[in-house]
Amino acid sequence: MAKLRLGVLENDKPVRLTIELPASVHRDLVAYARAHASETGQQPLEPVKLIAPMLARFMATDRGFARARRQIMDSDKPSGL
């Protein structure tokens, strides 16, 4: 089996969001949850529990976003320090 990008998931205080997903994406999340459970030896998670770690992983590995984020952070710093 291929190594999944998500490892063991940490428990973190959630912020509630409501989103709509295409049925095909939901089916893929269910399949991913089963594969993740098989790889980590845990019980399958509800698909909703996978969304945040997947988004976090995506943003953490997106080089364009990292550059844009640094630019935003740099522009927010007070000048003259």
Protein backbone atom coordinates (compact mmCIF):
# COMPACT_ATOMS: atom_id res chain seq x y z
CA MET A 1 0.00 0.00 0.00
CA ALA A 2 1.21 3.53 -0.74
CA LYS A 3 2.22 5.73 2.20
CA LEU A 4 -0.49 8.31 2.94
CA ARG A 5 0.41 11.96 3.44
CA LEU A 6 -1.49 12.19 6.72
CA GLY A 7 -0.05 10.54 9.79
CA VAL A 8 -1.62 10.22 13.21
CA LEU A 9 -3.97 13.15 13.78
CA GLU A 10 -3.69 15.36 16.84
CA ASN A 11 -6.68 16.39 18.90
CA ASP A 12 -7.08 20.15 18.60
CA LYS A 13 -9.84 22.56 19.59
CA PRO A 14 -12.03 22.87 16.50
CA VAL A 15 -13.59 25.91 14.88
CA ARG A 16 -16.95 25.04 13.35
CA LEU A 17 -17.40 25.53 9.60
CA THR A 18 -20.19 24.42 7.34
CA ILE A 19 -19.24 23.35 3.82
CA GLU A 20 -20.84 21.53 0.94
CA LEU A 21 -18.87 18.86 -0.88
CA PRO A 22 -19.62 16.98 -4.05
CA ALA A 23 -20.74 13.41 -3.34
CA SER A 24 -17.64 12.09 -5.11
CA VAL A 25 -15.37 14.00 -2.71
CA HIS A 26 -17.29 12.61 0.26
CA ARG A 27 -16.91 9.07 -1.09
CA ASP A 28 -13.18 9.68 -1.49
CA LEU A 29 -12.94 10.97 2.09
CA VAL A 30 -14.67 7.81 3.34
CA ALA A 31 -12.22 5.68 1.35
CA TYR A 32 -9.29 7.76 2.62
CA ALA A 33 -10.51 7.32 6.21
CA ARG A 34 -10.50 3.54 5.74
CA ALA A 35 -7.02 3.58 4.19
CA HIS A 36 -5.77 5.90 6.97
CA ALA A 37 -7.18 3.56 9.63
CA SER A 38 -5.51 0.59 8.00
CA GLU A 39 -2.17 2.39 7.85
CA THR A 40 -2.23 3.85 11.38
CA GLY A 41 -3.91 0.93 13.16
CA GLN A 42 -6.67 3.22 14.42
CA GLN A 43 -10.42 3.04 13.95
CA PRO A 44 -11.65 4.82 10.81
CA LEU A 45 -12.33 8.49 11.45
CA GLU A 46 -15.41 10.29 10.30
CA PRO A 47 -14.62 11.97 6.98
CA VAL A 48 -15.19 15.41 8.52
CA LYS A 49 -12.20 14.81 10.83
CA LEU A 50 -9.90 14.46 7.80
CA ILE A 51 -10.71 17.78 6.13
CA ALA A 52 -8.76 20.11 8.45
CA PRO A 53 -5.54 18.04 8.49
CA MET A 54 -5.74 17.64 4.71
CA LEU A 55 -6.15 21.39 4.23
CA ALA A 56 -3.33 22.09 6.68
CA ARG A 57 -1.04 19.64 4.87
CA PHE A 58 -1.96 21.13 1.50
CA MET A 59 -1.21 24.68 2.68
CA ALA A 60 2.02 23.61 4.40
CA THR A 61 3.36 22.11 1.17
CA ASP A 62 2.14 24.81 -1.25
CA ARG A 63 5.24 26.87 -2.08
CA GLY A 64 3.26 29.65 -3.73
CA PHE A 65 1.15 30.05 -0.61
CA ALA A 66 4.28 30.06 1.58
CA ARG A 67 5.77 32.91 -0.47
CA ALA A 68 2.51 34.87 -0.43
CA ARG A 69 2.13 34.33 3.31
CA ARG A 70 5.67 35.58 3.98
CA GLN A 71 4.99 38.67 1.88
CA ILE A 72 1.78 39.35 3.79
CA MET A 73 3.53 38.85 7.14
CA ASP A 74 6.43 41.11 6.09
CA SER A 75 4.07 43.85 4.94
CA ASP A 76 2.24 43.70 8.29
CA LYS A 77 5.45 44.35 10.28
CA PRO A 78 5.91 47.92 11.51
CA SER A 79 8.59 49.76 9.55
CA GLY A 80 11.66 51.26 11.19
CA LEU A 81 12.39 48.38 13.58
